[in-house]
Amino acid sequence: MPADAPLAIKDSVGNLLADGDSVTVIKDLKVKGSSSVVKVGTKVRNIRLIDAEDGHDIDCRVDGIGAMRLKSVFVRKA
C-alpha cells in the first residue's frame, strides 16, 4: 500500500472509520496491566487510525482510563 493512501479500517458492522470519528465499545474490555475495565457502551470521541500493531488499529483517549489502543472489531461507529 502506498504511504499516502488512507487506511481503510472498518468497525464491527462494516462501517468505514476515519480520524476524528466517535465510536462506542461493544464488549467489556480489560485494560492490560490494570484492574480497570472499559465497559460496554462507553463512547470514545476523536479517534485516530494507526497502522495495526497486534491488531490494535485505533489510538484514543478513554475518559477515566487515559490513552490506549483499541481493536476496531470491538467498536461500532457512533
Protein backbone atom coordinates (compact mmCIF):
# COMPACT_ATOMS: atom_id res chain seq x y z
CA MET A 1 0.00 0.00 0.00
CA PRO A 2 1.41 3.44 -0.88
CA ALA A 3 2.45 5.63 2.03
CA ASP A 4 -0.03 8.39 1.13
CA ALA A 5 -3.06 6.06 0.82
CA PRO A 6 -5.65 6.42 3.60
CA LEU A 7 -6.16 3.49 5.95
CA ALA A 8 -9.35 1.52 5.24
CA ILE A 9 -10.37 0.41 8.72
CA LYS A 10 -13.91 -0.81 9.39
CA ASP A 11 -15.82 -1.20 12.66
CA SER A 12 -17.56 -4.37 13.86
CA VAL A 13 -20.52 -3.93 11.50
CA GLY A 14 -18.55 -2.82 8.43
CA ASN A 15 -18.82 0.99 8.64
CA LEU A 16 -15.71 2.79 7.39
CA LEU A 17 -13.90 4.68 10.18
CA ALA A 18 -12.00 7.96 9.82
CA ASP A 19 -9.80 10.12 12.04
CA GLY A 20 -11.91 12.20 14.42
CA ASP A 21 -14.88 9.81 14.48
CA SER A 22 -16.68 8.81 17.65
CA VAL A 23 -17.12 5.11 18.43
CA THR A 24 -18.93 3.04 21.05
CA VAL A 25 -17.36 -0.03 22.71
CA ILE A 26 -19.47 -3.18 22.11
CA LYS A 27 -17.79 -5.52 24.62
CA ASP A 28 -16.31 -5.16 28.11
CA LEU A 29 -12.55 -4.80 27.61
CA LYS A 30 -9.98 -5.47 30.33
CA VAL A 31 -7.15 -2.95 30.44
CA LYS A 32 -3.82 -4.75 30.34
CA GLY A 33 -1.67 -4.08 33.42
CA SER A 34 -4.56 -2.58 35.38
CA SER A 35 -7.69 -3.69 37.19
CA SER A 36 -9.75 -1.22 35.12
CA VAL A 37 -12.38 -2.29 32.59
CA VAL A 38 -13.74 -0.35 29.63
CA LYS A 39 -17.48 -1.08 29.92
CA VAL A 40 -19.78 -1.88 27.03
CA GLY A 41 -21.46 1.28 25.74
CA THR A 42 -18.51 3.55 26.57
CA LYS A 43 -18.33 6.33 23.97
CA VAL A 44 -14.87 7.25 22.73
CA ARG A 45 -14.55 10.54 20.85
CA ASN A 46 -11.92 11.83 18.44
CA ILE A 47 -10.19 8.57 17.48
CA ARG A 48 -7.02 8.34 15.39
CA LEU A 49 -6.42 5.48 12.99
CA ILE A 50 -2.96 3.92 13.06
CA ASP A 51 -1.17 1.06 11.33
CA ALA A 52 -2.22 -2.13 13.10
CA GLU A 53 0.18 -3.34 15.78
CA ASP A 54 -1.04 -6.70 17.10
CA GLY A 55 -4.46 -5.83 15.67
CA HIS A 56 -4.77 -2.56 17.62
CA ASP A 57 -5.59 -0.03 14.90
CA ILE A 58 -7.31 2.78 16.87
CA ASP A 59 -5.43 5.22 19.09
CA CYS A 60 -7.69 7.10 21.51
CA ARG A 61 -8.23 8.54 24.98
CA VAL A 62 -10.90 6.88 27.13
CA ASP A 63 -12.47 9.02 29.88
CA GLY A 64 -11.42 7.79 33.32
CA ILE A 65 -8.72 5.50 31.94
CA GLY A 66 -6.48 7.55 29.64
CA ALA A 67 -4.67 6.92 26.38
CA MET A 68 -4.98 3.45 24.92
CA ARG A 69 -5.24 1.50 21.71
CA LEU A 70 -8.31 -0.46 20.65
CA LYS A 71 -9.10 -3.08 18.04
CA SER A 72 -11.69 -1.98 15.50
CA VAL A 73 -13.61 -5.27 15.87
CA PHE A 74 -14.68 -4.20 19.39
CA VAL A 75 -16.17 -0.81 18.44
CA ARG A 76 -19.16 0.50 16.50
CA LYS A 77 -19.33 3.90 14.82
CA ALA A 78 -21.48 6.27 16.87
